[in-house]
Structure formats: structure tokens, C-alpha cells
N, C-alpha and C. Protein backbone atom coordinates (compact mmCIF):
# COMPACT_ATOMS: atom_id res chain seq x y z
N UNK A 1 -15.07 13.13 45.87
CA UNK A 1 -14.01 12.80 44.88
C UNK A 1 -14.79 11.44 44.63
N UNK A 2 -15.61 10.60 45.22
CA UNK A 2 -15.77 9.41 44.19
C UNK A 2 -16.90 10.29 43.44
N UNK A 3 -17.59 11.04 43.16
CA UNK A 3 -18.65 11.85 42.16
C UNK A 3 -17.46 11.85 40.95
N UNK A 4 -16.36 12.84 41.77
CA UNK A 4 -15.48 13.45 40.53
C UNK A 4 -14.95 12.10 39.91
N UNK A 5 -14.71 10.96 40.13
CA UNK A 5 -14.79 9.80 39.44
C UNK A 5 -15.67 9.13 38.56
N UNK A 6 -16.46 8.89 39.15
CA UNK A 6 -18.02 8.70 38.41
C UNK A 6 -17.74 9.49 37.25
N UNK A 7 -17.79 11.04 37.24
CA UNK A 7 -18.07 11.01 36.06
C UNK A 7 -17.04 11.62 35.35
N UNK A 8 -16.01 11.12 35.72
CA UNK A 8 -14.49 11.23 34.91
C UNK A 8 -14.53 10.02 34.13
N UNK A 9 -15.47 8.96 34.64
CA UNK A 9 -15.31 7.56 33.86
C UNK A 9 -16.40 7.88 33.02
N UNK A 10 -17.56 8.33 33.40
CA UNK A 10 -18.82 8.59 31.86
C UNK A 10 -17.99 9.47 30.94
N UNK A 11 -17.49 10.19 31.42
CA UNK A 11 -17.09 11.09 30.16
C UNK A 11 -15.90 10.68 29.33
N UNK A 12 -15.49 9.37 30.24
CA UNK A 12 -14.19 8.65 29.37
C UNK A 12 -15.13 7.42 28.51
N UNK A 13 -16.26 6.87 29.08
CA UNK A 13 -16.85 5.93 28.16
C UNK A 13 -17.36 6.98 27.18
N UNK A 14 -17.69 8.13 27.30
CA UNK A 14 -18.81 8.93 26.22
C UNK A 14 -17.46 8.95 24.91
N UNK A 15 -16.45 9.38 25.24
CA UNK A 15 -15.55 9.47 24.39
C UNK A 15 -15.27 8.36 23.78
N UNK A 16 -14.91 7.47 24.19
CA UNK A 16 -14.95 5.90 23.63
C UNK A 16 -15.86 5.59 22.80
N UNK A 17 -17.14 6.09 23.03
CA UNK A 17 -18.48 5.88 22.25
C UNK A 17 -17.77 6.89 21.27
N UNK A 18 -17.39 7.84 21.06
CA UNK A 18 -17.49 8.61 19.90
C UNK A 18 -16.17 8.42 19.21
N UNK A 19 -15.40 7.99 19.42
CA UNK A 19 -13.88 7.49 19.15
C UNK A 19 -14.53 6.20 17.76
N UNK A 20 -15.24 5.58 18.91
CA UNK A 20 -15.64 4.24 17.80
C UNK A 20 -16.62 4.61 17.13
N UNK A 21 -17.60 5.44 17.01
CA UNK A 21 -18.57 5.66 15.94
C UNK A 21 -17.76 6.17 15.07
N UNK A 22 -16.91 7.25 15.28
CA UNK A 22 -15.84 7.89 14.10
C UNK A 22 -15.40 6.88 13.32
N UNK A 23 -14.94 6.06 14.09
CA UNK A 23 -13.97 4.52 13.61
C UNK A 23 -15.11 3.91 12.51
N UNK A 24 -16.13 3.82 13.27
CA UNK A 24 -17.36 2.85 12.27
C UNK A 24 -17.67 3.38 11.16
N UNK A 25 -18.06 4.90 11.32
CA UNK A 25 -18.56 6.16 10.14
C UNK A 25 -17.44 6.28 9.46
N UNK A 26 -15.91 6.23 9.68
CA UNK A 26 -14.76 6.30 8.67
C UNK A 26 -14.47 4.80 7.93
N UNK A 27 -14.62 3.47 8.49
CA UNK A 27 -14.74 2.17 8.25
C UNK A 27 -15.75 1.97 6.83
N UNK A 28 -16.86 2.80 7.09
CA UNK A 28 -18.24 2.35 6.52
C UNK A 28 -17.97 3.27 5.03
N UNK A 29 -17.63 4.52 5.50
CA UNK A 29 -17.35 5.41 4.21
C UNK A 29 -16.44 4.46 3.24
N UNK A 30 -15.30 4.25 3.84
CA UNK A 30 -13.97 3.46 2.85
C UNK A 30 -15.11 2.33 2.17
N UNK A 31 -15.36 1.27 2.64
CA UNK A 31 -16.19 0.11 2.59
C UNK A 31 -16.96 0.46 1.16
N UNK A 32 -17.61 1.81 1.46
CA UNK A 32 -18.47 2.11 0.34
C UNK A 32 -17.82 2.28 -1.04
N UNK A 33 -16.64 3.18 -0.84
CA UNK A 33 -15.65 3.80 -1.84
C UNK A 33 -15.24 2.43 -2.54
N UNK A 34 -14.64 1.63 -1.63
CA UNK A 34 -14.26 0.10 -2.77
C UNK A 34 -15.30 -0.48 -3.06
N UNK A 35 -16.24 -0.89 -2.73
CA UNK A 35 -17.48 -1.49 -3.28
C UNK A 35 -17.80 -0.71 -4.65
N UNK A 36 -17.61 0.90 -4.90
CA UNK A 36 -18.09 1.62 -5.77
C UNK A 36 -16.77 1.34 -6.46
N UNK A 37 -15.35 1.49 -6.77
CA UNK A 37 -14.51 0.75 -7.26
C UNK A 37 -14.87 -0.22 -7.87
N UNK A 38 -15.08 -1.05 -7.11
CA UNK A 38 -15.17 -2.52 -7.38
C UNK A 38 -16.39 -2.99 -8.28
N UNK A 39 -17.23 -1.79 -8.28
CA UNK A 39 -18.16 -2.05 -9.51
C UNK A 39 -17.72 -1.41 -10.23
N UNK A 40 -17.34 -0.48 -10.38
CA UNK A 40 -16.94 0.43 -11.71
C UNK A 40 -16.11 -0.51 -12.07
N UNK A 41 -14.92 -0.99 -11.81
CA UNK A 41 -14.27 -1.91 -12.01
C UNK A 41 -14.93 -3.60 -13.02
N UNK A 42 -15.52 -3.75 -11.79
CA UNK A 42 -15.94 -5.21 -12.97
C UNK A 42 -16.68 -4.97 -13.89
N UNK A 43 -17.84 -4.18 -14.06
CA UNK A 43 -18.08 -3.07 -14.99
C UNK A 43 -17.43 -3.00 -16.38
N UNK A 44 -16.38 -2.07 -16.53
CA UNK A 44 -15.64 -2.09 -17.21
C UNK A 44 -14.91 -3.36 -17.82
N UNK A 45 -14.62 -3.84 -16.71
CA UNK A 45 -14.29 -5.29 -17.02
C UNK A 45 -14.93 -6.17 -17.92
N UNK A 46 -15.65 -6.17 -17.82
CA UNK A 46 -16.91 -7.38 -18.37
C UNK A 46 -17.13 -6.76 -19.47
N UNK A 47 -17.23 -5.46 -20.10
CA UNK A 47 -17.57 -4.73 -21.24
C UNK A 47 -16.07 -4.96 -22.34
N UNK A 48 -14.90 -5.02 -21.37
CA UNK A 48 -13.69 -5.21 -22.53
C UNK A 48 -14.00 -6.67 -22.92
N UNK A 49 -14.47 -7.38 -21.77
CA UNK A 49 -14.49 -9.03 -22.23
C UNK A 49 -15.61 -9.46 -23.17
N UNK A 50 -16.76 -8.48 -23.52
CA UNK A 50 -17.74 -8.92 -24.47
C UNK A 50 -16.95 -8.98 -25.72
């Protein structure tokens, strides 16, 4: 029984790690997209103001 509980804890923490990594990946992806939009906007805006 104790071994089962241990392995369940391990698999749970493993899943938590995967979820955290996935979340980080999504956040990083969105941040890159936002940065790109920001750069494009800044470039266009500075062209307009020249």
C-alpha cells in the first residue's frame, strides 16, 4: 500500500511538472507574439510620425 501511495505521489508531481511546463510554454509563446505585435506597431507608428 505504501509503495502505491509513493508512486501515486511521484506520478502526480510528474503531471504537475508537465502542466507547469506546458503553461510556461504557452505563456512564452504568447509573450513572443505580443512582443512581435509590439515591434510591428512601433515600427509602423514611427514611420507614420516621420
